[in-house]
Amino acid sequence: MAPEWPMCPCCEQMFVQVYRFKDGGEPFLLCAECEAFWWPDAVVNEGTALLLDDVVAERLGVADGRVWAGRTWSDVLELQE
């Protein structure tokens, strides 16, 4: 079972959970509601949040607006159990 993380400081709608990238297995923290993203060593607060789309676009080398063209979340990431 994944560890419990705090309520998302950005949207306050969902808990932050541990996910991982499928291609390399790197873990990260994510709010699935607002897509706020943190690397594991970051302090989880509103000021340190990245946007999932920006991180995935950079990782895949695509333009932000095309990051999910032909892809779904399950192609790129998964909840770490």
PDB file of N, CA and C in Angstrom:
ATOM      1  N   MET A   1       0.844  -1.179   0.000  1.00  0.00           N
ATOM      2  CA  MET A   1       0.000   0.000   0.000  1.00  0.00           C
ATOM      3  C   MET A   1       0.892   1.246   0.000  1.00  0.00           C
ATOM      4  N   ALA A   2       0.530   2.219  -0.789  1.00  0.00           N
ATOM      5  CA  ALA A   2       1.312   3.453  -0.895  1.00  0.00           C
ATOM      6  C   ALA A   2       1.190   4.259   0.397  1.00  0.00           C
ATOM      7  N   PRO A   3       2.232   5.001   0.748  1.00  0.00           N
ATOM      8  CA  PRO A   3       2.148   5.830   1.958  1.00  0.00           C
ATOM      9  C   PRO A   3       1.120   6.937   1.784  1.00  0.00           C
ATOM     10  N   GLU A   4       0.595   7.406   2.895  1.00  0.00           N
ATOM     11  CA  GLU A   4      -0.360   8.514   2.841  1.00  0.00           C
ATOM     12  C   GLU A   4       0.389   9.834   2.749  1.00  0.00           C
ATOM     13  N   TRP A   5      -0.075  10.679   1.892  1.00  0.00           N
ATOM     14  CA  TRP A   5       0.503  11.999   1.719  1.00  0.00           C
ATOM     15  C   TRP A   5      -0.567  13.018   2.062  1.00  0.00           C
ATOM     16  N   PRO A   6      -0.191  14.252   2.171  1.00  0.00           N
ATOM     17  CA  PRO A   6      -1.145  15.289   2.583  1.00  0.00           C
ATOM     18  C   PRO A   6      -2.172  15.620   1.500  1.00  0.00           C
ATOM     19  N   MET A   7      -3.194  16.325   1.927  1.00  0.00           N
ATOM     20  CA  MET A   7      -4.162  16.885   0.989  1.00  0.00           C
ATOM     21  C   MET A   7      -3.394  17.851   0.085  1.00  0.00           C
ATOM     22  N   CYS A   8      -3.754  17.884  -1.169  1.00  0.00           N
ATOM     23  CA  CYS A   8      -3.069  18.748  -2.123  1.00  0.00           C
ATOM     24  C   CYS A   8      -3.160  20.204  -1.677  1.00  0.00           C
ATOM     25  N   PRO A   9      -2.029  20.897  -1.551  1.00  0.00           N
ATOM     26  CA  PRO A   9      -2.053  22.298  -1.140  1.00  0.00           C
ATOM     27  C   PRO A   9      -2.525  23.240  -2.247  1.00  0.00           C
ATOM     28  N   CYS A  10      -2.578  22.747  -3.479  1.00  0.00           N
ATOM     29  CA  CYS A  10      -2.985  23.602  -4.594  1.00  0.00           C
ATOM     30  C   CYS A  10      -4.499  23.651  -4.770  1.00  0.00           C
ATOM     31  N   CYS A  11      -5.152  22.503  -4.730  1.00  0.00           N
ATOM     32  CA  CYS A  11      -6.601  22.472  -4.961  1.00  0.00           C
ATOM     33  C   CYS A  11      -7.406  22.089  -3.725  1.00  0.00           C
ATOM     34  N   GLU A  12      -6.750  21.484  -2.758  1.00  0.00           N
ATOM     35  CA  GLU A  12      -7.396  21.016  -1.524  1.00  0.00           C
ATOM     36  C   GLU A  12      -8.593  20.116  -1.805  1.00  0.00           C
ATOM     37  N   GLN A  13      -8.533  19.375  -2.911  1.00  0.00           N
ATOM     38  CA  GLN A  13      -9.628  18.496  -3.306  1.00  0.00           C
ATOM     39  C   GLN A  13      -9.279  17.017  -3.189  1.00  0.00           C
ATOM     40  N   MET A  14      -7.990  16.680  -3.228  1.00  0.00           N
ATOM     41  CA  MET A  14      -7.580  15.290  -3.278  1.00  0.00           C
ATOM     42  C   MET A  14      -6.240  15.130  -2.570  1.00  0.00           C
ATOM     43  N   PHE A  15      -5.957  13.915  -2.149  1.00  0.00           N
ATOM     44  CA  PHE A  15      -4.673  13.635  -1.530  1.00  0.00           C
ATOM     45  C   PHE A  15      -3.585  13.502  -2.584  1.00  0.00           C
ATOM     46  N   VAL A  16      -2.392  13.924  -2.239  1.00  0.00           N
ATOM     47  CA  VAL A  16      -1.218  13.736  -3.082  1.00  0.00           C
ATOM     48  C   VAL A  16      -0.849  12.253  -2.985  1.00  0.00           C
ATOM     49  N   GLN A  17      -0.565  11.618  -4.116  1.00  0.00           N
ATOM     50  CA  GLN A  17      -0.226  10.204  -4.136  1.00  0.00           C
ATOM     51  C   GLN A  17       1.072   9.984  -4.895  1.00  0.00           C
ATOM     52  N   VAL A  18       1.681   8.835  -4.661  1.00  0.00           N
ATOM     53  CA  VAL A  18       2.926   8.481  -5.336  1.00  0.00           C
ATOM     54  C   VAL A  18       2.593   7.758  -6.639  1.00  0.00           C
ATOM     55  N   TYR A  19       3.125   8.293  -7.726  1.00  0.00           N
ATOM     56  CA  TYR A  19       3.022   7.678  -9.050  1.00  0.00           C
ATOM     57  C   TYR A  19       4.436   7.379  -9.519  1.00  0.00           C
ATOM     58  N   ARG A  20       4.544   6.719 -10.655  1.00  0.00           N
ATOM     59  CA  ARG A  20       5.851   6.500 -11.264  1.00  0.00           C
ATOM     60  C   ARG A  20       5.715   6.550 -12.771  1.00  0.00           C
ATOM     61  N   PHE A  21       6.830   6.939 -13.429  1.00  0.00           N
ATOM     62  CA  PHE A  21       6.855   6.911 -14.884  1.00  0.00           C
ATOM     63  C   PHE A  21       7.065   5.472 -15.317  1.00  0.00           C
ATOM     64  N   LYS A  22       6.291   5.025 -16.285  1.00  0.00           N
ATOM     65  CA  LYS A  22       6.390   3.646 -16.754  1.00  0.00           C
ATOM     66  C   LYS A  22       7.715   3.352 -17.453  1.00  0.00           C
ATOM     67  N   ASP A  23       8.246   4.317 -18.191  1.00  0.00           N
ATOM     68  CA  ASP A  23       9.451   4.044 -18.972  1.00  0.00           C
ATOM     69  C   ASP A  23      10.719   3.912 -18.137  1.00  0.00           C
ATOM     70  N   GLY A  24      10.810   4.611 -17.023  1.00  0.00           N
ATOM     71  CA  GLY A  24      12.036   4.547 -16.236  1.00  0.00           C
ATOM     72  C   GLY A  24      11.819   4.188 -14.781  1.00  0.00           C
ATOM     73  N   GLY A  25      10.572   4.200 -14.359  1.00  0.00           N
ATOM     74  CA  GLY A  25      10.247   3.835 -12.994  1.00  0.00           C
ATOM     75  C   GLY A  25      10.450   4.918 -11.951  1.00  0.00           C
ATOM     76  N   GLU A  26      10.827   6.154 -12.377  1.00  0.00           N
ATOM     77  CA  GLU A  26      11.066   7.214 -11.412  1.00  0.00           C
ATOM     78  C   GLU A  26       9.770   7.594 -10.710  1.00  0.00           C
ATOM     79  N   PRO A  27       9.794   7.622  -9.374  1.00  0.00           N
ATOM     80  CA  PRO A  27       8.595   8.011  -8.634  1.00  0.00           C
ATOM     81  C   PRO A  27       8.448   9.532  -8.582  1.00  0.00           C
ATOM     82  N   PHE A  28       7.230   9.962  -8.377  1.00  0.00           N
ATOM     83  CA  PHE A  28       6.935  11.376  -8.178  1.00  0.00           C
ATOM     84  C   PHE A  28       5.620  11.479  -7.423  1.00  0.00           C
ATOM     85  N   LEU A  29       5.321  12.660  -6.946  1.00  0.00           N
ATOM     86  CA  LEU A  29       4.088  12.908  -6.211  1.00  0.00           C
ATOM     87  C   LEU A  29       3.140  13.681  -7.113  1.00  0.00           C
ATOM     88  N   LEU A  30       1.861  13.326  -7.074  1.00  0.00           N
ATOM     89  CA  LEU A  30       0.903  13.934  -7.978  1.00  0.00           C
ATOM     90  C   LEU A  30      -0.468  14.049  -7.327  1.00  0.00           C
ATOM     91  N   CYS A  31      -1.120  15.151  -7.587  1.00  0.00           N
ATOM     92  CA  CYS A  31      -2.540  15.299  -7.274  1.00  0.00           C
ATOM     93  C   CYS A  31      -3.280  15.021  -8.582  1.00  0.00           C
ATOM     94  N   ALA A  32      -4.043  13.942  -8.617  1.00  0.00           N
ATOM     95  CA  ALA A  32      -4.758  13.580  -9.838  1.00  0.00           C
ATOM     96  C   ALA A  32      -5.895  14.544 -10.160  1.00  0.00           C
ATOM     97  N   GLU A  33      -6.319  15.327  -9.192  1.00  0.00           N
ATOM     98  CA  GLU A  33      -7.405  16.291  -9.414  1.00  0.00           C
ATOM     99  C   GLU A  33      -6.921  17.501 -10.217  1.00  0.00           C
ATOM    100  N   CYS A  34      -5.859  18.145  -9.754  1.00  0.00           N
ATOM    101  CA  CYS A  34      -5.396  19.376 -10.413  1.00  0.00           C
ATOM    102  C   CYS A  34      -4.087  19.187 -11.183  1.00  0.00           C
ATOM    103  N   GLU A  35      -3.527  17.984 -11.128  1.00  0.00           N
ATOM    104  CA  GLU A  35      -2.295  17.627 -11.844  1.00  0.00           C
ATOM    105  C   GLU A  35      -1.075  18.394 -11.349  1.00  0.00           C
ATOM    106  N   ALA A  36      -1.099  18.771 -10.071  1.00  0.00           N
ATOM    107  CA  ALA A  36       0.097  19.359  -9.452  1.00  0.00           C
ATOM    108  C   ALA A  36       1.107  18.233  -9.250  1.00  0.00           C
ATOM    109  N   PHE A  37       2.366  18.515  -9.529  1.00  0.00           N
ATOM    110  CA  PHE A  37       3.433  17.512  -9.586  1.00  0.00           C
ATOM    111  C   PHE A  37       4.590  17.945  -8.704  1.00  0.00           C
ATOM    112  N   TRP A  38       5.183  16.995  -7.971  1.00  0.00           N
ATOM    113  CA  TRP A  38       6.393  17.239  -7.193  1.00  0.00           C
ATOM    114  C   TRP A  38       7.323  16.051  -7.332  1.00  0.00           C
ATOM    115  N   TRP A  39       8.614  16.316  -7.443  1.00  0.00           N
ATOM    116  CA  TRP A  39       9.607  15.245  -7.358  1.00  0.00           C
ATOM    117  C   TRP A  39       9.689  14.825  -5.891  1.00  0.00           C
ATOM    118  N   PRO A  40      10.087  13.602  -5.585  1.00  0.00           N
ATOM    119  CA  PRO A  40      10.064  13.109  -4.202  1.00  0.00           C
ATOM    120  C   PRO A  40      10.858  13.938  -3.196  1.00  0.00           C
ATOM    121  N   ASP A  41      11.910  14.592  -3.625  1.00  0.00           N
ATOM    122  CA  ASP A  41      12.734  15.351  -2.682  1.00  0.00           C
ATOM    123  C   ASP A  41      12.246  16.793  -2.494  1.00  0.00           C
ATOM    124  N   ALA A  42      11.170  17.171  -3.179  1.00  0.00           N
ATOM    125  CA  ALA A  42      10.632  18.536  -3.064  1.00  0.00           C
ATOM    126  C   ALA A  42       9.718  18.651  -1.853  1.00  0.00           C
ATOM    127  N   VAL A  43       9.648  19.848  -1.314  1.00  0.00           N
ATOM    128  CA  VAL A  43       8.679  20.148  -0.266  1.00  0.00           C
ATOM    129  C   VAL A  43       7.323  20.293  -0.962  1.00  0.00           C
ATOM    130  N   VAL A  44       6.323  19.598  -0.457  1.00  0.00           N
ATOM    131  CA  VAL A  44       4.995  19.640  -1.079  1.00  0.00           C
ATOM    132  C   VAL A  44       4.244  20.872  -0.577  1.00  0.00           C
ATOM    133  N   ASN A  45       4.265  21.912  -1.406  1.00  0.00           N
ATOM    134  CA  ASN A  45       3.459  23.091  -1.133  1.00  0.00           C
ATOM    135  C   ASN A  45       3.109  23.752  -2.460  1.00  0.00           C
ATOM    136  N   GLU A  46       2.231  24.717  -2.403  1.00  0.00           N
ATOM    137  CA  GLU A  46       1.736  25.341  -3.627  1.00  0.00           C
ATOM    138  C   GLU A  46       2.857  26.007  -4.433  1.00  0.00           C
ATOM    139  N   GLY A  47       3.805  26.608  -3.753  1.00  0.00           N
ATOM    140  CA  GLY A  47       4.888  27.310  -4.425  1.00  0.00           C
ATOM    141  C   GLY A  47       5.903  26.420  -5.113  1.00  0.00           C
ATOM    142  N   THR A  48       5.962  25.150  -4.751  1.00  0.00           N
ATOM    143  CA  THR A  48       6.938  24.239  -5.358  1.00  0.00           C
ATOM    144  C   THR A  48       6.320  23.316  -6.393  1.00  0.00           C
ATOM    145  N   ALA A  49       5.013  23.402  -6.586  1.00  0.00           N
ATOM    146  CA  ALA A  49       4.314  22.507  -7.520  1.00  0.00           C
ATOM    147  C   ALA A  49       4.702  22.814  -8.966  1.00  0.00           C
ATOM    148  N   LEU A  50       4.884  21.756  -9.728  1.00  0.00           N
ATOM    149  CA  LEU A  50       5.053  21.836 -11.169  1.00  0.00           C
ATOM    150  C   LEU A  50       3.747  21.348 -11.785  1.00  0.00           C
ATOM    151  N   LEU A  51       3.583  21.517 -13.078  1.00  0.00           N
ATOM    152  CA  LEU A  51       2.404  20.991 -13.760  1.00  0.00           C
ATOM    153  C   LEU A  51       2.774  19.697 -14.467  1.00  0.00           C
ATOM    154  N   LEU A  52       1.942  18.690 -14.293  1.00  0.00           N
ATOM    155  CA  LEU A  52       2.204  17.390 -14.901  1.00  0.00           C
ATOM    156  C   LEU A  52       2.456  17.515 -16.396  1.00  0.00           C
ATOM    157  N   ASP A  53       1.631  18.262 -17.107  1.00  0.00           N
ATOM    158  CA  ASP A  53       1.797  18.394 -18.557  1.00  0.00           C
ATOM    159  C   ASP A  53       3.176  18.927 -18.923  1.00  0.00           C
ATOM    160  N   ASP A  54       3.680  19.898 -18.168  1.00  0.00           N
ATOM    161  CA  ASP A  54       4.999  20.470 -18.453  1.00  0.00           C
ATOM    162  C   ASP A  54       6.105  19.435 -18.258  1.00  0.00           C
ATOM    163  N   VAL A  55       6.016  18.680 -17.180  1.00  0.00           N
ATOM    164  CA  VAL A  55       7.048  17.664 -16.889  1.00  0.00           C
ATOM    165  C   VAL A  55       7.014  16.565 -17.940  1.00  0.00           C
ATOM    166  N   VAL A  56       5.825  16.087 -18.290  1.00  0.00           N
ATOM    167  CA  VAL A  56       5.711  15.017 -19.284  1.00  0.00           C
ATOM    168  C   VAL A  56       6.141  15.512 -20.660  1.00  0.00           C
ATOM    169  N   ALA A  57       5.770  16.726 -21.027  1.00  0.00           N
ATOM    170  CA  ALA A  57       6.183  17.279 -22.320  1.00  0.00           C
ATOM    171  C   ALA A  57       7.701  17.348 -22.419  1.00  0.00           C
ATOM    172  N   GLU A  58       8.347  17.819 -21.353  1.00  0.00           N
ATOM    173  CA  GLU A  58       9.809  17.889 -21.356  1.00  0.00           C
ATOM    174  C   GLU A  58      10.417  16.489 -21.436  1.00  0.00           C
ATOM    175  N   ARG A  59       9.861  15.571 -20.681  1.00  0.00           N
ATOM    176  CA  ARG A  59      10.371  14.198 -20.659  1.00  0.00           C
ATOM    177  C   ARG A  59      10.255  13.529 -22.029  1.00  0.00           C
ATOM    178  N   LEU A  60       9.143  13.778 -22.718  1.00  0.00           N
ATOM    179  CA  LEU A  60       8.911  13.154 -24.019  1.00  0.00           C
ATOM    180  C   LEU A  60       9.452  13.971 -25.184  1.00  0.00           C
ATOM    181  N   GLY A  61       9.870  15.217 -24.900  1.00  0.00           N
ATOM    182  CA  GLY A  61      10.399  16.076 -25.953  1.00  0.00           C
ATOM    183  C   GLY A  61       9.341  16.533 -26.937  1.00  0.00           C
ATOM    184  N   VAL A  62       8.156  16.846 -26.419  1.00  0.00           N
ATOM    185  CA  VAL A  62       7.070  17.322 -27.275  1.00  0.00           C
ATOM    186  C   VAL A  62       6.588  18.684 -26.781  1.00  0.00           C
ATOM    187  N   ALA A  63       5.861  19.390 -27.634  1.00  0.00           N
ATOM    188  CA  ALA A  63       5.285  20.678 -27.248  1.00  0.00           C
ATOM    189  C   ALA A  63       4.193  20.446 -26.208  1.00  0.00           C
ATOM    190  N   ASP A  64       4.054  21.394 -25.281  1.00  0.00           N
ATOM    191  CA  ASP A  64       3.066  21.258 -24.205  1.00  0.00           C
ATOM    192  C   ASP A  64       1.677  20.897 -24.711  1.00  0.00           C
ATOM    193  N   GLY A  65       1.217  21.549 -25.748  1.00  0.00           N
ATOM    194  CA  GLY A  65      -0.126  21.317 -26.254  1.00  0.00           C
ATOM    195  C   GLY A  65      -0.332  19.960 -26.897  1.00  0.00           C
ATOM    196  N   ARG A  66       0.753  19.259 -27.176  1.00  0.00           N
ATOM    197  CA  ARG A  66       0.646  17.956 -27.843  1.00  0.00           C
ATOM    198  C   ARG A  66       1.034  16.797 -26.933  1.00  0.00           C
ATOM    199  N   VAL A  67       1.226  17.082 -25.670  1.00  0.00           N
ATOM    200  CA  VAL A  67       1.728  16.055 -24.762  1.00  0.00           C
ATOM    201  C   VAL A  67       0.819  14.834 -24.679  1.00  0.00           C
ATOM    202  N   TRP A  68      -0.477  15.023 -24.760  1.00  0.00           N
ATOM    203  CA  TRP A  68      -1.393  13.879 -24.642  1.00  0.00           C
ATOM    204  C   TRP A  68      -1.980  13.455 -25.987  1.00  0.00           C
ATOM    205  N   ALA A  69      -1.475  14.019 -27.096  1.00  0.00           N
ATOM    206  CA  ALA A  69      -1.953  13.617 -28.421  1.00  0.00           C
ATOM    207  C   ALA A  69      -1.577  12.153 -28.660  1.00  0.00           C
ATOM    208  N   GLY A  70      -2.578  11.314 -28.769  1.00  0.00           N
ATOM    209  CA  GLY A  70      -2.332   9.894 -29.007  1.00  0.00           C
ATOM    210  C   GLY A  70      -1.877   9.125 -27.778  1.00  0.00           C
ATOM    211  N   ARG A  71      -1.939   9.746 -26.595  1.00  0.00           N
ATOM    212  CA  ARG A  71      -1.519   9.094 -25.350  1.00  0.00           C
ATOM    213  C   ARG A  71      -2.581   9.282 -24.284  1.00  0.00           C
ATOM    214  N   THR A  72      -2.554   8.402 -23.316  1.00  0.00           N
ATOM    215  CA  THR A  72      -3.355   8.570 -22.108  1.00  0.00           C
ATOM    216  C   THR A  72      -2.399   8.498 -20.928  1.00  0.00           C
ATOM    217  N   TRP A  73      -2.904   8.875 -19.747  1.00  0.00           N
ATOM    218  CA  TRP A  73      -2.060   8.783 -18.555  1.00  0.00           C
ATOM    219  C   TRP A  73      -1.483   7.386 -18.411  1.00  0.00           C
ATOM    220  N   SER A  74      -2.292   6.358 -18.658  1.00  0.00           N
ATOM    221  CA  SER A  74      -1.828   4.992 -18.442  1.00  0.00           C
ATOM    222  C   SER A  74      -0.713   4.584 -19.401  1.00  0.00           C
ATOM    223  N   ASP A  75      -0.503   5.319 -20.473  1.00  0.00           N
ATOM    224  CA  ASP A  75       0.632   5.072 -21.370  1.00  0.00           C
ATOM    225  C   ASP A  75       1.932   5.567 -20.757  1.00  0.00           C
ATOM    226  N   VAL A  76       1.852   6.578 -19.891  1.00  0.00           N
ATOM    227  CA  VAL A  76       3.030   7.285 -19.404  1.00  0.00           C
ATOM    228  C   VAL A  76       3.315   7.053 -17.920  1.00  0.00           C
ATOM    229  N   LEU A  77       2.263   6.964 -17.120  1.00  0.00           N
ATOM    230  CA  LEU A  77       2.475   6.871 -15.668  1.00  0.00           C
ATOM    231  C   LEU A  77       1.475   5.919 -15.035  1.00  0.00           C
ATOM    232  N   GLU A  78       1.789   5.510 -13.812  1.00  0.00           N
ATOM    233  CA  GLU A  78       0.889   4.644 -13.073  1.00  0.00           C
ATOM    234  C   GLU A  78       1.034   4.906 -11.576  1.00  0.00           C
ATOM    235  N   LEU A  79      -0.042   4.644 -10.864  1.00  0.00           N
ATOM    236  CA  LEU A  79      -0.041   4.772  -9.431  1.00  0.00           C
ATOM    237  C   LEU A  79       0.910   3.746  -8.850  1.00  0.00           C
ATOM    238  N   GLN A  80       1.773   4.180  -7.964  1.00  0.00           N
ATOM    239  CA  GLN A  80       2.719   3.254  -7.357  1.00  0.00           C
ATOM    240  C   GLN A  80       2.034   2.601  -6.158  1.00  0.00           C
ATOM    241  N   GLU A  81       1.970   1.315  -6.177  1.00  0.00           N
ATOM    242  CA  GLU A  81       1.298   0.577  -5.081  1.00  0.00           C
ATOM    243  C   GLU A  81       2.281   0.173  -4.023  1.00  0.00           C
TER     244      GLU A  81
END
